Amino acid sequence: MIEASWCVHVSTGLCEVLLTCRSRVYERVSAGYIALVRGHQRAIISLADRIGVATRGLAIDNTTACPAT
């Protein structure tokens, strides 16, 4: 499990928007260090995808909702 608090700040000439969110990402892993590392890699990718969705929403139409955790 990875739990992260993160924020995205978008500033245009006319508007500033700040979005602060918290995400929890769970990945099942099997035994061993290699499996643990790969599980964390998948969790980081999932977290990055969530941040990307939020950032695109802010940039395109000022959608200010945090992604589901």
PDB file of N, CA and C in Angstrom:
ATOM      1  N   MET A   1       0.836  -1.164   0.000  1.00  0.00           N
ATOM      2  CA  MET A   1       0.000   0.000   0.000  1.00  0.00           C
ATOM      3  C   MET A   1       0.887   1.236   0.000  1.00  0.00           C
ATOM      4  N   ILE A   2       0.484   2.198  -0.806  1.00  0.00           N
ATOM      5  CA  ILE A   2       1.112   3.520  -0.798  1.00  0.00           C
ATOM      6  C   ILE A   2       0.014   4.520  -0.508  1.00  0.00           C
ATOM      7  N   GLU A   3       0.279   5.404   0.428  1.00  0.00           N
ATOM      8  CA  GLU A   3      -0.647   6.484   0.733  1.00  0.00           C
ATOM      9  C   GLU A   3       0.102   7.790   0.499  1.00  0.00           C
ATOM     10  N   ALA A   4      -0.512   8.686  -0.259  1.00  0.00           N
ATOM     11  CA  ALA A   4       0.158   9.941  -0.597  1.00  0.00           C
ATOM     12  C   ALA A   4      -0.817  11.103  -0.533  1.00  0.00           C
ATOM     13  N   SER A   5      -0.336  12.207  -0.016  1.00  0.00           N
ATOM     14  CA  SER A   5      -1.055  13.478  -0.115  1.00  0.00           C
ATOM     15  C   SER A   5      -0.336  14.279  -1.187  1.00  0.00           C
ATOM     16  N   TRP A   6      -1.109  14.879  -2.075  1.00  0.00           N
ATOM     17  CA  TRP A   6      -0.494  15.604  -3.184  1.00  0.00           C
ATOM     18  C   TRP A   6      -1.374  16.783  -3.572  1.00  0.00           C
ATOM     19  N   CYS A   7      -0.757  17.743  -4.233  1.00  0.00           N
ATOM     20  CA  CYS A   7      -1.537  18.889  -4.698  1.00  0.00           C
ATOM     21  C   CYS A   7      -1.075  19.279  -6.097  1.00  0.00           C
ATOM     22  N   VAL A   8      -2.015  19.855  -6.828  1.00  0.00           N
ATOM     23  CA  VAL A   8      -1.760  20.338  -8.188  1.00  0.00           C
ATOM     24  C   VAL A   8      -2.176  21.791  -8.215  1.00  0.00           C
ATOM     25  N   HIS A   9      -1.298  22.627  -8.723  1.00  0.00           N
ATOM     26  CA  HIS A   9      -1.580  24.054  -8.831  1.00  0.00           C
ATOM     27  C   HIS A   9      -1.519  24.437 -10.302  1.00  0.00           C
ATOM     28  N   VAL A  10      -2.622  24.962 -10.814  1.00  0.00           N
ATOM     29  CA  VAL A  10      -2.673  25.401 -12.208  1.00  0.00           C
ATOM     30  C   VAL A  10      -2.899  26.904 -12.204  1.00  0.00           C
ATOM     31  N   SER A  11      -2.045  27.598 -12.910  1.00  0.00           N
ATOM     32  CA  SER A  11      -2.150  29.051 -12.970  1.00  0.00           C
ATOM     33  C   SER A  11      -2.170  29.498 -14.426  1.00  0.00           C
ATOM     34  N   THR A  12      -3.240  30.178 -14.786  1.00  0.00           N
ATOM     35  CA  THR A  12      -3.307  30.797 -16.105  1.00  0.00           C
ATOM     36  C   THR A  12      -3.281  32.307 -15.879  1.00  0.00           C
ATOM     37  N   GLY A  13      -3.325  33.059 -16.919  1.00  0.00           N
ATOM     38  CA  GLY A  13      -3.313  34.508 -16.773  1.00  0.00           C
ATOM     39  C   GLY A  13      -4.508  35.041 -16.007  1.00  0.00           C
ATOM     40  N   LEU A  14      -5.629  34.336 -16.056  1.00  0.00           N
ATOM     41  CA  LEU A  14      -6.855  34.820 -15.448  1.00  0.00           C
ATOM     42  C   LEU A  14      -7.270  34.068 -14.192  1.00  0.00           C
ATOM     43  N   CYS A  15      -6.739  32.885 -13.991  1.00  0.00           N
ATOM     44  CA  CYS A  15      -7.283  32.026 -12.941  1.00  0.00           C
ATOM     45  C   CYS A  15      -6.179  31.198 -12.299  1.00  0.00           C
ATOM     46  N   GLU A  16      -6.323  30.966 -10.992  1.00  0.00           N
ATOM     47  CA  GLU A  16      -5.446  30.043 -10.289  1.00  0.00           C
ATOM     48  C   GLU A  16      -6.315  29.015  -9.570  1.00  0.00           C
ATOM     49  N   VAL A  17      -5.949  27.761  -9.706  1.00  0.00           N
ATOM     50  CA  VAL A  17      -6.704  26.691  -9.067  1.00  0.00           C
ATOM     51  C   VAL A  17      -5.712  25.793  -8.333  1.00  0.00           C
ATOM     52  N   LEU A  18      -6.050  25.462  -7.087  1.00  0.00           N
ATOM     53  CA  LEU A  18      -5.242  24.548  -6.298  1.00  0.00           C
ATOM     54  C   LEU A  18      -6.119  23.372  -5.893  1.00  0.00           C
ATOM     55  N   LEU A  19      -5.651  22.197  -6.163  1.00  0.00           N
ATOM     56  CA  LEU A  19      -6.374  20.971  -5.819  1.00  0.00           C
ATOM     57  C   LEU A  19      -5.472  20.141  -4.912  1.00  0.00           C
ATOM     58  N   THR A  20      -5.950  19.825  -3.714  1.00  0.00           N
ATOM     59  CA  THR A  20      -5.201  19.002  -2.772  1.00  0.00           C
ATOM     60  C   THR A  20      -5.971  17.702  -2.554  1.00  0.00           C
ATOM     61  N   CYS A  21      -5.291  16.586  -2.735  1.00  0.00           N
ATOM     62  CA  CYS A  21      -5.947  15.274  -2.662  1.00  0.00           C
ATOM     63  C   CYS A  21      -5.114  14.301  -1.838  1.00  0.00           C
ATOM     64  N   ARG A  22      -5.743  13.199  -1.499  1.00  0.00           N
ATOM     65  CA  ARG A  22      -5.065  12.100  -0.832  1.00  0.00           C
ATOM     66  C   ARG A  22      -5.446  10.821  -1.563  1.00  0.00           C
ATOM     67  N   SER A  23      -4.476   9.986  -1.812  1.00  0.00           N
ATOM     68  CA  SER A  23      -4.719   8.729  -2.521  1.00  0.00           C
ATOM     69  C   SER A  23      -4.119   7.571  -1.750  1.00  0.00           C
ATOM     70  N   ARG A  24      -4.833   6.461  -1.768  1.00  0.00           N
ATOM     71  CA  ARG A  24      -4.325   5.184  -1.251  1.00  0.00           C
ATOM     72  C   ARG A  24      -4.361   4.187  -2.395  1.00  0.00           C
ATOM     73  N   VAL A  25      -3.238   3.547  -2.620  1.00  0.00           N
ATOM     74  CA  VAL A  25      -3.140   2.579  -3.709  1.00  0.00           C
ATOM     75  C   VAL A  25      -2.691   1.246  -3.099  1.00  0.00           C
ATOM     76  N   TYR A  26      -3.474   0.218  -3.364  1.00  0.00           N
ATOM     77  CA  TYR A  26      -3.174  -1.124  -2.866  1.00  0.00           C
ATOM     78  C   TYR A  26      -2.783  -2.029  -4.034  1.00  0.00           C
ATOM     79  N   GLU A  27      -1.738  -2.788  -3.842  1.00  0.00           N
ATOM     80  CA  GLU A  27      -1.301  -3.775  -4.834  1.00  0.00           C
ATOM     81  C   GLU A  27      -1.001  -5.081  -4.113  1.00  0.00           C
ATOM     82  N   ARG A  28      -1.575  -6.155  -4.601  1.00  0.00           N
ATOM     83  CA  ARG A  28      -1.245  -7.471  -4.042  1.00  0.00           C
ATOM     84  C   ARG A  28       0.125  -7.890  -4.566  1.00  0.00           C
ATOM     85  N   VAL A  29       0.903  -8.464  -3.663  1.00  0.00           N
ATOM     86  CA  VAL A  29       2.222  -8.971  -4.056  1.00  0.00           C
ATOM     87  C   VAL A  29       2.409 -10.361  -3.480  1.00  0.00           C
ATOM     88  N   SER A  30       3.246 -11.139  -4.130  1.00  0.00           N
ATOM     89  CA  SER A  30       3.609 -12.445  -3.596  1.00  0.00           C
ATOM     90  C   SER A  30       4.849 -12.270  -2.717  1.00  0.00           C
ATOM     91  N   ALA A  31       5.358 -13.344  -2.205  1.00  0.00           N
ATOM     92  CA  ALA A  31       6.513 -13.291  -1.301  1.00  0.00           C
ATOM     93  C   ALA A  31       7.780 -12.881  -2.049  1.00  0.00           C
ATOM     94  N   GLY A  32       8.659 -12.218  -1.347  1.00  0.00           N
ATOM     95  CA  GLY A  32       9.969 -11.888  -1.887  1.00  0.00           C
ATOM     96  C   GLY A  32      10.138 -10.414  -2.189  1.00  0.00           C
ATOM     97  N   TYR A  33      11.398  -9.988  -2.164  1.00  0.00           N
ATOM     98  CA  TYR A  33      11.719  -8.586  -2.398  1.00  0.00           C
ATOM     99  C   TYR A  33      11.405  -8.129  -3.815  1.00  0.00           C
ATOM    100  N   ILE A  34      11.653  -8.975  -4.786  1.00  0.00           N
ATOM    101  CA  ILE A  34      11.395  -8.601  -6.173  1.00  0.00           C
ATOM    102  C   ILE A  34       9.908  -8.346  -6.378  1.00  0.00           C
ATOM    103  N   ALA A  35       9.067  -9.209  -5.830  1.00  0.00           N
ATOM    104  CA  ALA A  35       7.619  -9.029  -5.942  1.00  0.00           C
ATOM    105  C   ALA A  35       7.181  -7.751  -5.227  1.00  0.00           C
ATOM    106  N   LEU A  36       7.795  -7.457  -4.086  1.00  0.00           N
ATOM    107  CA  LEU A  36       7.473  -6.243  -3.347  1.00  0.00           C
ATOM    108  C   LEU A  36       7.830  -4.999  -4.154  1.00  0.00           C
ATOM    109  N   VAL A  37       9.001  -4.996  -4.755  1.00  0.00           N
ATOM    110  CA  VAL A  37       9.432  -3.863  -5.573  1.00  0.00           C
ATOM    111  C   VAL A  37       8.499  -3.689  -6.770  1.00  0.00           C
ATOM    112  N   ARG A  38       8.155  -4.769  -7.432  1.00  0.00           N
ATOM    113  CA  ARG A  38       7.255  -4.678  -8.587  1.00  0.00           C
ATOM    114  C   ARG A  38       5.869  -4.184  -8.175  1.00  0.00           C
ATOM    115  N   GLY A  39       5.395  -4.597  -7.016  1.00  0.00           N
ATOM    116  CA  GLY A  39       4.118  -4.105  -6.514  1.00  0.00           C
ATOM    117  C   GLY A  39       4.153  -2.611  -6.248  1.00  0.00           C
ATOM    118  N   HIS A  40       5.249  -2.137  -5.672  1.00  0.00           N
ATOM    119  CA  HIS A  40       5.394  -0.698  -5.442  1.00  0.00           C
ATOM    120  C   HIS A  40       5.489   0.066  -6.767  1.00  0.00           C
ATOM    121  N   GLN A  41       6.158  -0.507  -7.729  1.00  0.00           N
ATOM    122  CA  GLN A  41       6.230   0.136  -9.043  1.00  0.00           C
ATOM    123  C   GLN A  41       4.836   0.286  -9.649  1.00  0.00           C
ATOM    124  N   ARG A  42       4.023  -0.752  -9.569  1.00  0.00           N
ATOM    125  CA  ARG A  42       2.653  -0.678 -10.081  1.00  0.00           C
ATOM    126  C   ARG A  42       1.836   0.369  -9.319  1.00  0.00           C
ATOM    127  N   ALA A  43       2.040   0.436  -8.000  1.00  0.00           N
ATOM    128  CA  ALA A  43       1.312   1.407  -7.186  1.00  0.00           C
ATOM    129  C   ALA A  43       1.710   2.838  -7.558  1.00  0.00           C
ATOM    130  N   ILE A  44       2.982   3.075  -7.790  1.00  0.00           N
ATOM    131  CA  ILE A  44       3.448   4.412  -8.184  1.00  0.00           C
ATOM    132  C   ILE A  44       2.870   4.798  -9.544  1.00  0.00           C
ATOM    133  N   ILE A  45       2.817   3.861 -10.464  1.00  0.00           N
ATOM    134  CA  ILE A  45       2.220   4.132 -11.773  1.00  0.00           C
ATOM    135  C   ILE A  45       0.747   4.498 -11.622  1.00  0.00           C
ATOM    136  N   SER A  46       0.037   3.765 -10.784  1.00  0.00           N
ATOM    137  CA  SER A  46      -1.376   4.055 -10.543  1.00  0.00           C
ATOM    138  C   SER A  46      -1.559   5.438  -9.919  1.00  0.00           C
ATOM    139  N   LEU A  47      -0.710   5.786  -8.968  1.00  0.00           N
ATOM    140  CA  LEU A  47      -0.762   7.107  -8.346  1.00  0.00           C
ATOM    141  C   LEU A  47      -0.481   8.199  -9.385  1.00  0.00           C
ATOM    142  N   ALA A  48       0.510   7.998 -10.207  1.00  0.00           N
ATOM    143  CA  ALA A  48       0.836   8.975 -11.257  1.00  0.00           C
ATOM    144  C   ALA A  48      -0.325   9.140 -12.232  1.00  0.00           C
ATOM    145  N   ASP A  49      -1.004   8.043 -12.560  1.00  0.00           N
ATOM    146  CA  ASP A  49      -2.179   8.122 -13.442  1.00  0.00           C
ATOM    147  C   ASP A  49      -3.273   8.967 -12.806  1.00  0.00           C
ATOM    148  N   ARG A  50      -3.512   8.794 -11.510  1.00  0.00           N
ATOM    149  CA  ARG A  50      -4.536   9.583 -10.816  1.00  0.00           C
ATOM    150  C   ARG A  50      -4.185  11.069 -10.822  1.00  0.00           C
ATOM    151  N   ILE A  51      -2.923  11.373 -10.571  1.00  0.00           N
ATOM    152  CA  ILE A  51      -2.488  12.769 -10.586  1.00  0.00           C
ATOM    153  C   ILE A  51      -2.631  13.338 -11.996  1.00  0.00           C
ATOM    154  N   GLY A  52      -2.312  12.550 -13.000  1.00  0.00           N
ATOM    155  CA  GLY A  52      -2.458  12.989 -14.384  1.00  0.00           C
ATOM    156  C   GLY A  52      -3.900  13.285 -14.746  1.00  0.00           C
ATOM    157  N   VAL A  53      -4.825  12.449 -14.306  1.00  0.00           N
ATOM    158  CA  VAL A  53      -6.249  12.674 -14.572  1.00  0.00           C
ATOM    159  C   VAL A  53      -6.689  13.993 -13.935  1.00  0.00           C
ATOM    160  N   ALA A  54      -6.286  14.219 -12.700  1.00  0.00           N
ATOM    161  CA  ALA A  54      -6.654  15.464 -12.014  1.00  0.00           C
ATOM    162  C   ALA A  54      -6.058  16.674 -12.716  1.00  0.00           C
ATOM    163  N   THR A  55      -4.817  16.564 -13.140  1.00  0.00           N
ATOM    164  CA  THR A  55      -4.151  17.685 -13.814  1.00  0.00           C
ATOM    165  C   THR A  55      -4.815  17.996 -15.142  1.00  0.00           C
ATOM    166  N   ARG A  56      -5.143  16.971 -15.916  1.00  0.00           N
ATOM    167  CA  ARG A  56      -5.824  17.206 -17.194  1.00  0.00           C
ATOM    168  C   ARG A  56      -7.190  17.848 -16.961  1.00  0.00           C
ATOM    169  N   GLY A  57      -7.907  17.398 -15.938  1.00  0.00           N
ATOM    170  CA  GLY A  57      -9.206  17.985 -15.627  1.00  0.00           C
ATOM    171  C   GLY A  57      -9.095  19.460 -15.293  1.00  0.00           C
ATOM    172  N   LEU A  58      -8.071  19.816 -14.535  1.00  0.00           N
ATOM    173  CA  LEU A  58      -7.873  21.224 -14.197  1.00  0.00           C
ATOM    174  C   LEU A  58      -7.491  22.041 -15.428  1.00  0.00           C
ATOM    175  N   ALA A  59      -6.620  21.500 -16.245  1.00  0.00           N
ATOM    176  CA  ALA A  59      -6.134  22.242 -17.407  1.00  0.00           C
ATOM    177  C   ALA A  59      -7.196  22.396 -18.483  1.00  0.00           C
ATOM    178  N   ILE A  60      -8.039  21.390 -18.646  1.00  0.00           N
ATOM    179  CA  ILE A  60      -9.022  21.422 -19.739  1.00  0.00           C
ATOM    180  C   ILE A  60     -10.276  22.182 -19.369  1.00  0.00           C
ATOM    181  N   ASP A  61     -10.881  21.851 -18.222  1.00  0.00           N
ATOM    182  CA  ASP A  61     -12.173  22.479 -17.917  1.00  0.00           C
ATOM    183  C   ASP A  61     -12.330  22.885 -16.461  1.00  0.00           C
ATOM    184  N   ASN A  62     -11.223  23.086 -15.754  1.00  0.00           N
ATOM    185  CA  ASN A  62     -11.239  23.499 -14.350  1.00  0.00           C
ATOM    186  C   ASN A  62     -12.011  22.555 -13.449  1.00  0.00           C
ATOM    187  N   THR A  63     -12.064  21.276 -13.796  1.00  0.00           N
ATOM    188  CA  THR A  63     -12.667  20.274 -12.935  1.00  0.00           C
ATOM    189  C   THR A  63     -11.792  20.130 -11.705  1.00  0.00           C
ATOM    190  N   THR A  64     -12.369  20.302 -10.520  1.00  0.00           N
ATOM    191  CA  THR A  64     -11.556  20.312  -9.321  1.00  0.00           C
ATOM    192  C   THR A  64     -11.843  19.142  -8.384  1.00  0.00           C
ATOM    193  N   ALA A  65     -12.258  18.032  -8.922  1.00  0.00           N
ATOM    194  CA  ALA A  65     -12.540  16.855  -8.093  1.00  0.00           C
ATOM    195  C   ALA A  65     -11.303  15.965  -7.981  1.00  0.00           C
ATOM    196  N   CYS A  66     -11.081  15.469  -6.791  1.00  0.00           N
ATOM    197  CA  CYS A  66     -10.007  14.501  -6.595  1.00  0.00           C
ATOM    198  C   CYS A  66     -10.443  13.153  -7.158  1.00  0.00           C
ATOM    199  N   PRO A  67      -9.508  12.399  -7.724  1.00  0.00           N
ATOM    200  CA  PRO A  67      -9.855  11.068  -8.212  1.00  0.00           C
ATOM    201  C   PRO A  67     -10.251  10.171  -7.045  1.00  0.00           C
ATOM    202  N   ALA A  68     -11.048   9.174  -7.328  1.00  0.00           N
ATOM    203  CA  ALA A  68     -11.437   8.228  -6.281  1.00  0.00           C
ATOM    204  C   ALA A  68     -10.211   7.525  -5.731  1.00  0.00           C
ATOM    205  N   THR A  69     -10.196   7.301  -4.408  1.00  0.00           N
ATOM    206  CA  THR A  69      -9.033   6.655  -3.804  1.00  0.00           C
ATOM    207  C   THR A  69      -9.153   5.156  -3.853  1.00  0.00           C
TER     208      THR A  69
END
